[in-house]
Each structure stands twice: as C-alpha cells, then as structure tokens.
Amino acid sequence: MKSRNLLLVTLLLFVSNSFTQTKIEDKDGIHYITNTIDYPITGTYTFQGAEPVVELNAGGSGFYQLHEQPKRAMIWGMECDEAGLPKFNKGFDSAAYTLWYQYTTKLESDDDDMNWIAVEFTIHFNTLKMFIQGERSKDYTEPVEK
C-alpha cells in the first residue's frame, strides 16, 4: 500500500511539473504561458547566422535583440491553456506557436516597452529548424524515442 501511494504521489508531481504555466496580462486580456513544449526550444536563434539574436534560456529568462539594437534581458513563454498545455496550430510539416516575451530592463526612449509582446514561433519538421518571427532560426534534432 505504501509503495502504491508513493507511486501515485510521484506520478502527480511529474504531471504537475510537466505542465506548469504562468498567468500574464496584456492589453487584450489574460493569457497563460509555459517554458516547455515537446521540442528543444531553448537556445540561440540567429538572423542569417549572426545578430540580431534571441536567446531562450531554461526557466523563462533570456535576451531579445531587435535590429540595430543591443541585446536586452527578457522573460518569455509559449502560450498555453490554463492547465499548461501548449496552444499551437499544426500544419502539414510545421507547427505554429505564440511566443510571449517581456523586457526586464527599460529604455529611456520608450515608455511602452515593458508590455508583453507576442511573436510567431514556428517549428519546421522537414528541415529540423525553429523560427522566431520567421527570420531568427536555430537547428534542432528530433528527440530519441525510448
């Protein structure tokens, strides 16, 4: 009986950690984000192999660099439902997600740059590439099935 209860508790902890979400609010209302989907999304996304870059770190931190601007610290997540399941549109050989990010440092020149910003994030299965805004990309490898 003890081992059965231990197994149940372990399973519940695994499931609750697999689908964690954070509640955010932007001008359109409340959204939920998560830092994990079924693909290796963390890493550096480059524009034609160079700057500007986007860096997605585990745990939802990173850097977002606009064209001809310095890298800025930010927090990020992929849109999900209240239960933490990622929302996406599946195509024939791709999947499209919404990446939300918010700068954690303010520029003096912009009063409105601390809002949450949504951009397109796509995964292209045939080429094994991931794109942010269709222009910053990184290669990935398919997870090995057990």
N, C-alpha and C. Protein backbone atom coordinates (compact mmCIF):
# COMPACT_ATOMS: atom_id res chain seq x y z
N MET A 1 0.82 -1.19 0.00
CA MET A 1 0.00 0.00 0.00
C MET A 1 0.87 1.27 0.00
N LYS A 2 1.97 1.24 0.83
CA LYS A 2 2.85 2.39 0.88
C LYS A 2 3.49 2.66 -0.48
N SER A 3 3.95 1.60 -1.13
CA SER A 3 4.60 1.79 -2.43
C SER A 3 3.60 2.29 -3.47
N ARG A 4 2.36 1.89 -3.38
CA ARG A 4 1.33 2.36 -4.31
C ARG A 4 1.08 3.85 -4.10
N ASN A 5 1.00 4.29 -2.85
CA ASN A 5 0.81 5.71 -2.55
C ASN A 5 2.02 6.53 -3.00
N LEU A 6 3.20 5.99 -2.79
CA LEU A 6 4.42 6.68 -3.22
C LEU A 6 4.44 6.82 -4.74
N LEU A 7 4.04 5.78 -5.44
CA LEU A 7 3.98 5.84 -6.90
C LEU A 7 2.97 6.89 -7.36
N LEU A 8 1.82 6.95 -6.71
CA LEU A 8 0.79 7.93 -7.06
C LEU A 8 1.28 9.35 -6.82
N VAL A 9 1.93 9.59 -5.70
CA VAL A 9 2.47 10.93 -5.40
C VAL A 9 3.54 11.30 -6.41
N THR A 10 4.44 10.39 -6.73
CA THR A 10 5.49 10.65 -7.71
C THR A 10 4.89 10.98 -9.07
N LEU A 11 3.88 10.23 -9.49
CA LEU A 11 3.22 10.49 -10.77
C LEU A 11 2.55 11.85 -10.78
N LEU A 12 1.88 12.21 -9.71
CA LEU A 12 1.23 13.52 -9.63
C LEU A 12 2.25 14.65 -9.68
N LEU A 13 3.38 14.50 -8.99
CA LEU A 13 4.43 15.52 -9.05
C LEU A 13 4.99 15.65 -10.45
N PHE A 14 5.20 14.53 -11.13
CA PHE A 14 5.72 14.57 -12.50
C PHE A 14 4.74 15.28 -13.42
N VAL A 15 3.47 14.94 -13.35
CA VAL A 15 2.46 15.56 -14.22
C VAL A 15 2.33 17.04 -13.91
N SER A 16 2.34 17.42 -12.64
CA SER A 16 2.19 18.84 -12.32
C SER A 16 3.42 19.64 -12.76
N ASN A 17 4.61 19.04 -12.73
CA ASN A 17 5.80 19.74 -13.20
C ASN A 17 5.92 19.76 -14.70
N SER A 18 5.28 18.82 -15.39
CA SER A 18 5.35 18.76 -16.84
C SER A 18 4.55 19.87 -17.50
N PHE A 19 3.49 20.31 -16.85
CA PHE A 19 2.60 21.30 -17.45
C PHE A 19 2.41 22.48 -16.52
N THR A 20 3.49 23.19 -16.22
CA THR A 20 3.38 24.38 -15.40
C THR A 20 3.09 25.57 -16.29
N GLN A 21 2.35 26.51 -15.75
CA GLN A 21 2.02 27.69 -16.52
C GLN A 21 2.07 28.93 -15.65
N THR A 22 2.20 30.08 -16.29
CA THR A 22 2.22 31.38 -15.63
C THR A 22 1.14 32.24 -16.26
N LYS A 23 0.44 32.97 -15.44
CA LYS A 23 -0.62 33.87 -15.91
C LYS A 23 -0.01 35.23 -16.22
N ILE A 24 -0.28 35.76 -17.41
CA ILE A 24 0.20 37.10 -17.79
C ILE A 24 -1.00 37.91 -18.28
N GLU A 25 -0.82 39.22 -18.34
CA GLU A 25 -1.90 40.07 -18.85
C GLU A 25 -1.31 41.09 -19.80
N ASP A 26 -1.97 41.25 -20.95
CA ASP A 26 -1.60 42.30 -21.89
C ASP A 26 -2.85 43.10 -22.20
N LYS A 27 -2.77 43.99 -23.18
CA LYS A 27 -3.91 44.87 -23.48
C LYS A 27 -5.13 44.10 -23.97
N ASP A 28 -4.93 42.86 -24.47
CA ASP A 28 -6.06 42.06 -24.95
C ASP A 28 -6.65 41.15 -23.89
N GLY A 29 -6.06 41.10 -22.70
CA GLY A 29 -6.60 40.27 -21.64
C GLY A 29 -5.57 39.35 -21.02
N ILE A 30 -6.08 38.28 -20.42
CA ILE A 30 -5.24 37.33 -19.70
C ILE A 30 -4.84 36.19 -20.63
N HIS A 31 -3.57 35.80 -20.52
CA HIS A 31 -3.01 34.67 -21.27
C HIS A 31 -2.23 33.82 -20.29
N TYR A 32 -1.91 32.61 -20.71
CA TYR A 32 -1.09 31.71 -19.91
C TYR A 32 0.11 31.28 -20.75
N ILE A 33 1.27 31.18 -20.11
CA ILE A 33 2.47 30.79 -20.82
C ILE A 33 3.18 29.67 -20.07
N THR A 34 3.95 28.90 -20.82
CA THR A 34 4.78 27.84 -20.27
C THR A 34 6.15 27.91 -20.93
N ASN A 35 7.16 27.37 -20.27
CA ASN A 35 8.52 27.38 -20.83
C ASN A 35 8.90 26.05 -21.45
N THR A 36 7.97 25.10 -21.48
CA THR A 36 8.28 23.80 -22.06
C THR A 36 7.20 23.36 -23.03
N ILE A 37 7.65 22.85 -24.15
CA ILE A 37 6.78 22.16 -25.10
C ILE A 37 7.51 20.86 -25.45
N ASP A 38 7.00 20.10 -26.37
CA ASP A 38 7.59 18.80 -26.68
C ASP A 38 8.83 18.88 -27.57
N TYR A 39 9.40 20.05 -27.72
CA TYR A 39 10.58 20.24 -28.57
C TYR A 39 11.64 21.03 -27.81
N PRO A 40 12.91 20.88 -28.21
CA PRO A 40 14.01 21.58 -27.51
C PRO A 40 14.11 23.04 -27.95
N ILE A 41 13.27 23.90 -27.36
CA ILE A 41 13.16 25.29 -27.82
C ILE A 41 14.21 26.22 -27.23
N THR A 42 14.86 25.83 -26.15
CA THR A 42 15.87 26.73 -25.59
C THR A 42 17.10 26.76 -26.51
N GLY A 43 17.79 27.88 -26.46
CA GLY A 43 18.98 28.04 -27.30
C GLY A 43 19.03 29.42 -27.92
N THR A 44 19.96 29.60 -28.85
CA THR A 44 20.17 30.88 -29.52
C THR A 44 19.63 30.83 -30.94
N TYR A 45 18.81 31.80 -31.27
CA TYR A 45 18.21 31.95 -32.59
C TYR A 45 18.88 33.14 -33.26
N THR A 46 19.45 32.92 -34.45
CA THR A 46 20.21 33.97 -35.12
C THR A 46 19.53 34.41 -36.40
N PHE A 47 19.87 35.62 -36.82
CA PHE A 47 19.40 36.18 -38.09
C PHE A 47 20.49 35.92 -39.12
N GLN A 48 20.27 35.01 -40.03
CA GLN A 48 21.23 34.64 -41.06
C GLN A 48 22.61 34.32 -40.45
N GLY A 49 22.60 33.64 -39.32
CA GLY A 49 23.83 33.21 -38.67
C GLY A 49 24.52 34.24 -37.80
N ALA A 50 23.93 35.42 -37.63
CA ALA A 50 24.56 36.48 -36.86
C ALA A 50 23.50 37.25 -36.06
N GLU A 51 23.87 38.45 -35.59
CA GLU A 51 22.93 39.31 -34.88
C GLU A 51 21.94 39.91 -35.86
N PRO A 52 20.76 40.25 -35.39
CA PRO A 52 20.25 40.20 -34.03
C PRO A 52 19.87 38.78 -33.63
N VAL A 53 19.96 38.52 -32.33
CA VAL A 53 19.70 37.18 -31.81
C VAL A 53 18.57 37.21 -30.79
N VAL A 54 18.02 36.03 -30.56
CA VAL A 54 17.11 35.79 -29.45
C VAL A 54 17.67 34.60 -28.71
N GLU A 55 17.81 34.73 -27.40
CA GLU A 55 18.29 33.63 -26.57
C GLU A 55 17.17 33.22 -25.61
N LEU A 56 16.74 31.96 -25.73
CA LEU A 56 15.74 31.42 -24.83
C LEU A 56 16.44 30.48 -23.87
N ASN A 57 16.49 30.86 -22.61
CA ASN A 57 17.11 30.03 -21.58
C ASN A 57 16.04 29.22 -20.86
N ALA A 58 16.46 28.11 -20.27
CA ALA A 58 15.54 27.30 -19.48
C ALA A 58 15.02 28.14 -18.32
N GLY A 59 13.79 27.91 -17.93
CA GLY A 59 13.21 28.65 -16.82
C GLY A 59 12.58 29.96 -17.20
N GLY A 60 12.63 30.34 -18.49
CA GLY A 60 11.92 31.52 -18.94
C GLY A 60 12.69 32.82 -18.95
N SER A 61 14.01 32.78 -18.85
CA SER A 61 14.80 34.01 -18.98
C SER A 61 15.48 34.00 -20.34
N GLY A 62 16.08 35.12 -20.69
CA GLY A 62 16.81 35.17 -21.95
C GLY A 62 17.09 36.59 -22.39
N PHE A 63 17.37 36.73 -23.69
CA PHE A 63 17.66 38.02 -24.29
C PHE A 63 16.93 38.13 -25.62
N TYR A 64 16.45 39.32 -25.93
CA TYR A 64 15.81 39.58 -27.21
C TYR A 64 16.46 40.82 -27.80
N GLN A 65 16.93 40.69 -29.03
CA GLN A 65 17.62 41.79 -29.69
C GLN A 65 16.87 42.18 -30.95
N LEU A 66 16.48 43.44 -31.04
CA LEU A 66 15.87 43.96 -32.26
C LEU A 66 16.97 44.39 -33.23
N HIS A 67 16.62 44.58 -34.50
CA HIS A 67 17.61 45.01 -35.49
C HIS A 67 18.24 46.34 -35.06
N GLU A 68 19.56 46.39 -35.16
CA GLU A 68 20.35 47.58 -34.84
C GLU A 68 20.14 48.08 -33.42
N GLN A 69 19.86 47.16 -32.50
CA GLN A 69 19.66 47.48 -31.09
C GLN A 69 20.53 46.53 -30.25
N PRO A 70 20.83 46.90 -29.00
CA PRO A 70 21.57 45.98 -28.13
C PRO A 70 20.67 44.85 -27.64
N LYS A 71 21.27 43.75 -27.20
CA LYS A 71 20.51 42.67 -26.58
C LYS A 71 19.93 43.18 -25.28
N ARG A 72 18.67 42.79 -25.02
CA ARG A 72 18.01 43.19 -23.77
C ARG A 72 17.48 41.97 -23.04
N ALA A 73 17.65 41.97 -21.73
CA ALA A 73 17.15 40.88 -20.91
C ALA A 73 15.63 40.85 -20.99
N MET A 74 15.09 39.63 -20.96
CA MET A 74 13.64 39.47 -21.02
C MET A 74 13.24 38.17 -20.35
N ILE A 75 11.93 38.04 -20.15
CA ILE A 75 11.33 36.79 -19.72
C ILE A 75 10.40 36.34 -20.85
N TRP A 76 10.17 35.04 -20.95
CA TRP A 76 9.43 34.54 -22.10
C TRP A 76 8.62 33.29 -21.72
N GLY A 77 7.70 32.95 -22.63
CA GLY A 77 6.94 31.72 -22.51
C GLY A 77 6.12 31.49 -23.76
N MET A 78 5.73 30.23 -23.97
CA MET A 78 4.87 29.87 -25.10
C MET A 78 3.43 29.86 -24.61
N GLU A 79 2.53 30.37 -25.42
CA GLU A 79 1.13 30.42 -24.99
C GLU A 79 0.60 29.01 -24.76
N CYS A 80 -0.17 28.88 -23.68
CA CYS A 80 -0.75 27.60 -23.31
C CYS A 80 -2.14 27.84 -22.72
N ASP A 81 -2.83 26.77 -22.38
CA ASP A 81 -4.13 26.92 -21.73
C ASP A 81 -3.92 26.99 -20.21
N GLU A 82 -5.01 27.11 -19.47
CA GLU A 82 -4.91 27.23 -18.01
C GLU A 82 -4.25 26.03 -17.35
N ALA A 83 -4.37 24.87 -17.99
CA ALA A 83 -3.76 23.65 -17.45
C ALA A 83 -2.28 23.53 -17.80
N GLY A 84 -1.75 24.43 -18.64
CA GLY A 84 -0.34 24.39 -19.01
C GLY A 84 -0.05 23.66 -20.30
N LEU A 85 -1.09 23.24 -21.03
CA LEU A 85 -0.88 22.55 -22.31
C LEU A 85 -0.66 23.58 -23.41
N PRO A 86 0.44 23.50 -24.15
CA PRO A 86 0.75 24.50 -25.19
C PRO A 86 -0.33 24.56 -26.26
N LYS A 87 -0.63 25.80 -26.69
CA LYS A 87 -1.56 26.02 -27.80
C LYS A 87 -0.73 26.15 -29.07
N PHE A 88 -1.16 25.47 -30.13
CA PHE A 88 -0.44 25.56 -31.40
C PHE A 88 -1.36 25.17 -32.53
N ASN A 89 -0.97 25.58 -33.74
CA ASN A 89 -1.65 25.18 -34.97
C ASN A 89 -0.71 24.26 -35.72
N LYS A 90 -1.18 23.05 -35.99
CA LYS A 90 -0.36 22.07 -36.69
C LYS A 90 -0.64 22.15 -38.18
N GLY A 91 0.41 22.28 -38.97
CA GLY A 91 0.32 22.25 -40.41
C GLY A 91 0.78 20.91 -40.93
N PHE A 92 0.92 20.80 -42.25
CA PHE A 92 1.36 19.56 -42.86
C PHE A 92 2.74 19.14 -42.37
N ASP A 93 3.69 20.06 -42.37
CA ASP A 93 5.05 19.75 -41.91
C ASP A 93 5.59 20.82 -40.96
N SER A 94 4.68 21.46 -40.23
CA SER A 94 5.10 22.51 -39.30
C SER A 94 4.09 22.65 -38.16
N ALA A 95 4.50 23.40 -37.16
CA ALA A 95 3.61 23.76 -36.06
C ALA A 95 3.89 25.22 -35.72
N ALA A 96 2.84 25.99 -35.46
CA ALA A 96 2.98 27.41 -35.14
C ALA A 96 2.49 27.66 -33.71
N TYR A 97 3.33 28.29 -32.92
CA TYR A 97 3.05 28.64 -31.54
C TYR A 97 3.10 30.16 -31.41
N THR A 98 2.67 30.67 -30.27
CA THR A 98 2.85 32.08 -29.96
C THR A 98 3.85 32.20 -28.83
N LEU A 99 4.94 32.92 -29.09
CA LEU A 99 5.96 33.20 -28.10
C LEU A 99 5.66 34.57 -27.51
N TRP A 100 5.50 34.62 -26.20
CA TRP A 100 5.30 35.89 -25.49
C TRP A 100 6.61 36.26 -24.81
N TYR A 101 6.99 37.53 -24.88
CA TYR A 101 8.16 37.99 -24.13
C TYR A 101 7.91 39.38 -23.56
N GLN A 102 8.63 39.67 -22.50
CA GLN A 102 8.56 40.97 -21.85
C GLN A 102 9.96 41.37 -21.42
N TYR A 103 10.37 42.57 -21.81
CA TYR A 103 11.69 43.05 -21.39
C TYR A 103 11.71 43.23 -19.87
N THR A 104 12.86 43.00 -19.28
CA THR A 104 13.02 43.20 -17.84
C THR A 104 13.84 44.45 -17.55
N THR A 105 14.29 45.12 -18.61
CA THR A 105 15.00 46.39 -18.47
C THR A 105 14.31 47.42 -19.35
N LYS A 106 14.23 48.63 -18.89
CA LYS A 106 13.51 49.69 -19.59
C LYS A 106 14.49 50.60 -20.31
N LEU A 107 14.13 51.00 -21.53
CA LEU A 107 14.91 52.00 -22.26
C LEU A 107 14.33 53.37 -21.94
N GLU A 108 15.18 54.36 -21.80
CA GLU A 108 14.71 55.72 -21.52
C GLU A 108 13.88 56.28 -22.67
N SER A 109 14.15 55.82 -23.89
CA SER A 109 13.50 56.39 -25.06
C SER A 109 12.10 55.84 -25.33
N ASP A 110 11.67 54.81 -24.59
CA ASP A 110 10.38 54.19 -24.89
C ASP A 110 9.61 53.93 -23.61
N ASP A 111 8.49 54.61 -23.44
CA ASP A 111 7.68 54.44 -22.24
C ASP A 111 6.82 53.18 -22.27
N ASP A 112 6.62 52.60 -23.46
CA ASP A 112 5.67 51.49 -23.60
C ASP A 112 6.36 50.15 -23.84
N ASP A 113 7.65 50.03 -23.55
CA ASP A 113 8.35 48.81 -23.92
C ASP A 113 8.38 47.75 -22.83
N MET A 114 7.62 47.90 -21.77
CA MET A 114 7.58 46.90 -20.70
C MET A 114 6.33 46.02 -20.79
N ASN A 115 5.59 46.13 -21.88
CA ASN A 115 4.40 45.31 -22.08
C ASN A 115 4.79 43.94 -22.62
N TRP A 116 3.90 42.98 -22.46
CA TRP A 116 4.09 41.66 -23.07
C TRP A 116 3.91 41.79 -24.57
N ILE A 117 4.76 41.12 -25.32
CA ILE A 117 4.74 41.17 -26.79
C ILE A 117 4.61 39.74 -27.30
N ALA A 118 3.71 39.54 -28.25
CA ALA A 118 3.50 38.22 -28.85
C ALA A 118 4.13 38.19 -30.24
N VAL A 119 4.91 37.13 -30.52
CA VAL A 119 5.51 36.93 -31.84
C VAL A 119 5.31 35.48 -32.25
N GLU A 120 5.41 35.25 -33.55
CA GLU A 120 5.23 33.89 -34.08
C GLU A 120 6.48 33.04 -33.84
N PHE A 121 6.25 31.81 -33.45
CA PHE A 121 7.29 30.81 -33.26
C PHE A 121 6.87 29.58 -34.04
N THR A 122 7.69 29.16 -35.00
CA THR A 122 7.31 28.00 -35.82
C THR A 122 8.38 26.93 -35.78
N ILE A 123 7.92 25.70 -35.91
CA ILE A 123 8.80 24.55 -35.99
C ILE A 123 8.55 23.89 -37.34
N HIS A 124 9.61 23.67 -38.11
CA HIS A 124 9.51 23.07 -39.44
C HIS A 124 10.15 21.68 -39.37
N PHE A 125 9.30 20.67 -39.42
CA PHE A 125 9.74 19.29 -39.18
C PHE A 125 10.64 18.73 -40.29
N ASN A 126 10.40 19.09 -41.54
CA ASN A 126 11.21 18.56 -42.64
C ASN A 126 12.64 19.08 -42.62
N THR A 127 12.82 20.34 -42.25
CA THR A 127 14.16 20.93 -42.25
C THR A 127 14.81 20.93 -40.86
N LEU A 128 14.06 20.50 -39.84
CA LEU A 128 14.54 20.48 -38.45
C LEU A 128 15.05 21.86 -38.02
N LYS A 129 14.23 22.88 -38.31
CA LYS A 129 14.54 24.26 -37.94
C LYS A 129 13.39 24.86 -37.15
N MET A 130 13.73 25.77 -36.25
CA MET A 130 12.77 26.55 -35.50
C MET A 130 13.00 28.02 -35.82
N PHE A 131 11.91 28.78 -35.95
CA PHE A 131 12.00 30.19 -36.31
C PHE A 131 11.23 31.06 -35.32
N ILE A 132 11.81 32.22 -35.00
CA ILE A 132 11.11 33.26 -34.26
C ILE A 132 10.91 34.41 -35.22
N GLN A 133 9.67 34.83 -35.39
CA GLN A 133 9.29 35.89 -36.32
C GLN A 133 9.69 35.57 -37.75
N GLY A 134 9.86 34.32 -38.07
CA GLY A 134 10.18 33.92 -39.43
C GLY A 134 11.58 34.26 -39.90
N GLU A 135 12.40 34.89 -39.05
CA GLU A 135 13.72 35.32 -39.51
C GLU A 135 14.88 34.88 -38.62
N ARG A 136 14.65 34.62 -37.36
CA ARG A 136 15.72 34.13 -36.49
C ARG A 136 15.51 32.63 -36.32
N SER A 137 16.55 31.86 -36.55
CA SER A 137 16.36 30.41 -36.57
C SER A 137 17.45 29.69 -35.79
N LYS A 138 17.13 28.45 -35.49
CA LYS A 138 18.11 27.51 -34.93
C LYS A 138 17.74 26.13 -35.40
N ASP A 139 18.74 25.28 -35.54
CA ASP A 139 18.53 23.89 -35.90
C ASP A 139 18.21 23.10 -34.64
N TYR A 140 17.51 22.01 -34.81
CA TYR A 140 17.26 21.11 -33.68
C TYR A 140 17.31 19.70 -34.17
N THR A 141 17.39 18.75 -33.25
CA THR A 141 17.35 17.35 -33.58
C THR A 141 16.11 16.74 -32.96
N GLU A 142 15.56 15.76 -33.64
CA GLU A 142 14.38 15.07 -33.13
C GLU A 142 14.74 14.32 -31.85
N PRO A 143 13.85 14.37 -30.87
CA PRO A 143 14.13 13.59 -29.65
C PRO A 143 14.18 12.09 -29.96
N VAL A 144 15.05 11.38 -29.30
CA VAL A 144 15.18 9.94 -29.49
C VAL A 144 14.06 9.27 -28.72
N GLU A 145 13.29 8.42 -29.39
CA GLU A 145 12.20 7.71 -28.73
C GLU A 145 12.75 6.52 -27.96
N LYS A 146 12.19 6.29 -26.80
CA LYS A 146 12.64 5.19 -25.94
C LYS A 146 11.83 3.95 -26.18
